């Protein structure tokens, strides 16, 4: 998908989860909406280069939205968690995800489970329904290894068990890691951050939930999926 024209700046600080003060190239300091509920661990470095979009909607409280950050002065990460679902949806429709190809129907945000909505529901008269849950991966720790989640997530664990329930009901269930960080080469559950999530992921995989990861190309004009990367169950051990 293409970005609207992005504006470059430098991160001053992120605060109250959804706010970020950013100094634009010409010196103006603006407050942007930060569309990310996670910890954004390693994605909010002081004075990091960032890119924001600007809305002309007069009803918006904040005109700017933080979209991309430069990490370690060499990688780009998309921190807008509203975009991965769209990126994955486009890739499915274009047949770019081999594991999710061959379905004639594709619907977003379909109710299922216990008050949840599945990101994508794929259907075909010759196949079981396929429930696809998308998770955004932006945490790079070392040596190209990416991790999810970047903070403890009870909600994420609930989604895993709901996927397992779909398998038990005779459907197909896929956890899709959308890797929105150009430095990540593989993905693993972040056992050192949320051991319960890592344990649950292993559990539901034994019950038939499929787990895949695709890396995204990111620049200041567009973001799209490029290739499959490995998912492993080995995590860093940290106190």
Protein backbone atom coordinates (compact mmCIF):
# COMPACT_ATOMS: atom_id res chain seq x y z
CA UNK A 1 0.00 0.00 0.00
CA UNK A 2 1.10 3.56 -0.66
CA UNK A 3 1.57 6.26 1.93
CA UNK A 4 0.22 9.71 1.39
CA UNK A 5 3.05 12.22 1.27
CA UNK A 6 5.07 11.76 4.46
CA UNK A 7 6.80 14.53 6.38
CA UNK A 8 10.19 13.94 8.00
CA UNK A 9 11.09 14.91 11.53
CA UNK A 10 12.92 13.92 14.72
CA UNK A 11 11.32 12.24 17.72
CA UNK A 12 11.39 14.30 20.90
CA UNK A 13 9.31 11.95 23.06
CA UNK A 14 6.37 9.59 23.08
CA UNK A 15 4.02 9.83 26.05
CA UNK A 16 0.57 8.77 27.26
CA UNK A 17 0.90 5.91 24.74
CA UNK A 18 -0.90 7.73 21.96
CA UNK A 19 1.00 11.03 21.76
CA UNK A 20 4.40 11.92 20.33
CA UNK A 21 6.16 15.27 20.16
CA UNK A 22 8.13 15.57 16.93
CA UNK A 23 10.35 18.31 15.56
CA UNK A 24 9.83 18.76 11.83
CA UNK A 25 12.68 19.53 9.45
CA UNK A 26 11.99 23.28 9.46
CA UNK A 27 12.01 23.45 13.26
CA UNK A 28 8.29 23.37 14.09
CA UNK A 29 7.38 21.04 16.97
CA UNK A 30 4.10 19.19 16.50
CA UNK A 31 2.18 16.64 18.55
CA UNK A 32 1.27 13.58 16.49
CA UNK A 33 -1.07 10.68 17.13
CA UNK A 34 0.88 7.50 17.89
CA UNK A 35 -1.26 4.62 16.54
CA UNK A 36 0.38 1.90 18.62
CA UNK A 37 -0.83 0.43 21.90
CA UNK A 38 2.34 -1.60 22.56
CA UNK A 39 5.49 -0.68 24.41
CA UNK A 40 7.27 0.16 21.11
CA UNK A 41 10.39 -1.27 22.70
CA UNK A 42 13.47 -0.13 20.72
CA UNK A 43 11.25 1.85 18.33
CA UNK A 44 11.23 5.18 20.16
CA UNK A 45 14.87 6.12 20.43
CA UNK A 46 15.73 9.71 21.30
CA UNK A 47 16.11 11.93 18.23
CA UNK A 48 15.29 9.05 15.87
CA UNK A 49 14.27 10.08 12.40
CA UNK A 50 10.52 9.66 11.95
CA UNK A 51 7.95 10.23 9.24
CA UNK A 52 4.40 11.43 9.79
CA UNK A 53 1.34 11.81 7.62
CA UNK A 54 -0.99 14.82 7.78
CA UNK A 55 -4.77 14.74 7.54
CA UNK A 56 -6.90 17.58 6.19
CA UNK A 57 -9.90 16.37 8.19
CA UNK A 58 -10.93 19.37 10.35
CA UNK A 59 -12.70 17.05 12.83
CA UNK A 60 -9.47 15.36 13.85
CA UNK A 61 -8.01 16.43 17.17
CA UNK A 62 -4.47 15.81 15.90
CA UNK A 63 -3.70 16.42 12.24
CA UNK A 64 -0.49 14.37 12.21
CA UNK A 65 -0.05 10.60 12.51
CA UNK A 66 3.30 8.95 13.24
CA UNK A 67 3.86 6.24 10.59
CA UNK A 68 7.55 5.21 10.36
CA UNK A 69 10.63 5.33 12.58
CA UNK A 70 14.30 4.77 11.82
CA UNK A 71 15.81 2.26 14.27
CA UNK A 72 19.51 2.20 15.11
CA UNK A 73 20.07 4.72 12.30
CA UNK A 74 19.80 1.95 9.69
CA UNK A 75 16.44 0.14 9.70
CA UNK A 76 12.89 1.34 9.07
CA UNK A 77 9.91 0.15 11.11
CA UNK A 78 6.22 0.88 10.58
CA UNK A 79 4.73 1.64 13.99
CA UNK A 80 1.15 2.27 12.80
CA UNK A 81 -0.55 -0.95 13.90
CA UNK A 82 -3.55 -0.16 11.73
CA UNK A 83 -1.55 -0.78 8.55
CA UNK A 84 -0.42 -4.44 8.78
CA UNK A 85 -3.98 -5.75 8.38
CA UNK A 86 -4.33 -3.74 5.18
CA UNK A 87 -0.91 -4.80 3.92
CA UNK A 88 -1.69 -8.47 4.56
CA UNK A 89 -5.14 -8.07 3.01
CA UNK A 90 -3.61 -6.65 -0.17
CA UNK A 91 -1.06 -9.46 -0.31
CA UNK A 92 -3.75 -12.12 0.11
CA UNK A 93 -5.87 -10.56 -2.64
CA UNK A 94 -2.85 -10.45 -4.94
CA UNK A 95 -1.93 -14.08 -4.25
CA UNK A 96 1.44 -13.15 -2.73
CA UNK A 97 1.10 -15.31 0.38
CA UNK A 98 1.42 -18.90 -0.82
CA UNK A 99 -0.03 -20.36 2.38
CA UNK A 100 -3.20 -18.26 2.00
CA UNK A 101 -3.78 -18.51 -1.74
CA UNK A 102 -6.64 -20.22 -3.57
CA UNK A 103 -9.60 -18.74 -1.70
CA UNK A 104 -12.45 -17.08 -3.57
CA UNK A 105 -13.80 -15.05 -0.64
CA UNK A 106 -12.03 -12.58 1.65
CA UNK A 107 -13.71 -10.59 4.44
CA UNK A 108 -12.22 -8.32 7.10
CA UNK A 109 -13.14 -7.91 10.77
CA UNK A 110 -15.61 -10.80 11.02
CA UNK A 111 -17.01 -11.55 14.47
CA UNK A 112 -15.94 -14.85 16.00
CA UNK A 113 -14.84 -16.40 19.28
CA UNK A 114 -15.70 -14.63 22.51
CA UNK A 115 -16.49 -11.10 21.43
CA UNK A 116 -13.50 -10.89 19.06
CA UNK A 117 -13.12 -10.07 15.37
CA UNK A 118 -10.84 -12.02 13.09
CA UNK A 119 -8.64 -9.87 10.88
CA UNK A 120 -9.33 -11.88 7.73
CA UNK A 121 -11.77 -14.69 7.01
CA UNK A 122 -11.02 -16.59 3.81
CA UNK A 123 -13.60 -18.83 2.21
CA UNK A 124 -14.02 -21.17 -0.73
CA UNK A 125 -16.70 -23.74 -1.47
CA UNK A 126 -14.06 -26.45 -1.80
CA UNK A 127 -12.13 -25.67 1.42
CA UNK A 128 -12.73 -25.17 5.14
CA UNK A 129 -12.99 -21.58 6.32
CA UNK A 130 -9.61 -20.02 7.09
CA UNK A 131 -9.30 -17.62 10.04
CA UNK A 132 -6.27 -15.32 9.78
CA UNK A 133 -5.06 -13.29 12.77
CA UNK A 134 -2.44 -10.62 11.93
CA UNK A 135 0.19 -9.44 14.41
CA UNK A 136 2.64 -6.61 13.77
CA UNK A 137 6.29 -7.37 14.61
CA UNK A 138 8.68 -4.46 15.18
CA UNK A 139 10.91 -5.64 18.03
CA UNK A 140 14.48 -6.37 16.89
CA UNK A 141 16.71 -7.53 19.73
CA UNK A 142 19.92 -8.85 18.15
CA UNK A 143 21.37 -10.62 15.11
CA UNK A 144 18.26 -10.10 13.00
CA UNK A 145 15.95 -11.89 15.44
CA UNK A 146 12.50 -10.34 15.84
CA UNK A 147 10.12 -10.99 18.72
CA UNK A 148 6.43 -10.76 19.50
CA UNK A 149 4.94 -9.38 21.68
CA UNK A 150 6.87 -6.31 22.85
CA UNK A 151 4.80 -6.18 26.07
CA UNK A 152 2.65 -8.58 28.06
CA UNK A 153 -0.58 -9.20 26.13
CA UNK A 154 -3.52 -11.01 27.67
CA UNK A 155 -5.54 -10.06 24.60
CA UNK A 156 -3.00 -11.69 22.30
CA UNK A 157 -3.10 -14.90 24.33
CA UNK A 158 -6.91 -14.90 24.16
CA UNK A 159 -6.68 -14.66 20.38
CA UNK A 160 -4.43 -17.73 20.26
CA UNK A 161 -6.96 -19.86 22.09
CA UNK A 162 -9.78 -18.55 19.90
CA UNK A 163 -7.80 -19.66 16.84
CA UNK A 164 -7.36 -23.10 18.40
CA UNK A 165 -11.13 -23.27 18.93
CA UNK A 166 -11.64 -22.68 15.21
CA UNK A 167 -9.38 -25.63 14.42
CA UNK A 168 -11.37 -27.80 16.83
CA UNK A 169 -14.53 -26.73 14.98
CA UNK A 170 -13.11 -28.08 11.72
CA UNK A 171 -11.80 -24.85 10.25
CA UNK A 172 -8.30 -23.64 9.43
CA UNK A 173 -6.58 -21.05 11.65
CA UNK A 174 -3.44 -19.08 10.83
CA UNK A 175 -1.43 -16.66 12.95
CA UNK A 176 0.27 -14.28 10.52
CA UNK A 177 3.24 -12.25 11.72
CA UNK A 178 3.55 -9.14 9.55
CA UNK A 179 7.18 -8.14 10.07
CA UNK A 180 7.19 -4.37 9.71
CA UNK A 181 10.90 -3.88 10.43
CA UNK A 182 13.53 -4.06 7.71
CA UNK A 183 16.20 -5.48 10.04
CA UNK A 184 14.30 -8.58 11.15
CA UNK A 185 15.26 -11.91 9.54
CA UNK A 186 13.33 -14.36 11.75
CA UNK A 187 10.54 -14.27 14.35
CA UNK A 188 10.12 -15.98 17.71
CA UNK A 189 7.73 -15.59 20.64
CA UNK A 190 9.15 -13.17 23.21
CA UNK A 191 9.44 -15.59 26.10
CA UNK A 192 11.64 -13.11 27.97
CA UNK A 193 8.84 -10.52 27.85
CA UNK A 194 5.64 -12.60 28.04
CA UNK A 195 6.34 -16.26 28.92
CA UNK A 196 2.62 -17.04 29.09
CA UNK A 197 2.16 -15.93 25.47
CA UNK A 198 5.12 -18.04 24.35
CA UNK A 199 3.73 -21.06 26.17
CA UNK A 200 0.28 -20.53 24.67
CA UNK A 201 1.71 -20.22 21.17
CA UNK A 202 3.50 -23.55 21.50
CA UNK A 203 0.33 -25.11 22.88
CA UNK A 204 -1.98 -23.97 20.07
CA UNK A 205 0.55 -24.96 17.41
CA UNK A 206 0.33 -28.55 18.68
CA UNK A 207 -3.45 -28.22 18.29
CA UNK A 208 -3.20 -27.30 14.60
CA UNK A 209 -2.90 -23.51 14.53
CA UNK A 210 -0.51 -22.58 11.72
CA UNK A 211 2.05 -19.81 12.24
CA UNK A 212 3.72 -17.94 9.38
CA UNK A 213 5.75 -14.74 9.02
CA UNK A 214 6.30 -12.42 6.06
CA UNK A 215 8.65 -9.48 5.99
CA UNK A 216 7.62 -6.14 4.57
CA UNK A 217 9.47 -3.77 2.30
CA UNK A 218 9.24 -0.30 3.84
CA UNK A 219 10.20 3.07 2.47
CA UNK A 220 8.72 6.53 2.76
CA UNK A 221 6.35 5.97 -0.16
CA UNK A 222 4.96 2.46 0.35
CA UNK A 223 4.89 -0.75 2.38
CA UNK A 224 4.24 -4.24 1.02
CA UNK A 225 5.07 -7.86 1.85
CA UNK A 226 8.06 -9.37 0.11
CA UNK A 227 9.07 -12.78 1.45
CA UNK A 228 8.45 -15.50 4.00
CA UNK A 229 10.88 -15.68 6.93
CA UNK A 230 11.34 -18.40 9.58
CA UNK A 231 9.32 -18.65 12.78
CA UNK A 232 11.11 -20.42 15.62
CA UNK A 233 10.12 -21.35 19.16
CA UNK A 234 13.52 -20.44 20.61
CA UNK A 235 13.51 -17.20 22.58
CA UNK A 236 16.13 -15.21 24.40
CA UNK A 237 16.46 -16.02 28.09
CA UNK A 238 16.60 -12.80 30.03
CA UNK A 239 15.94 -11.81 33.60
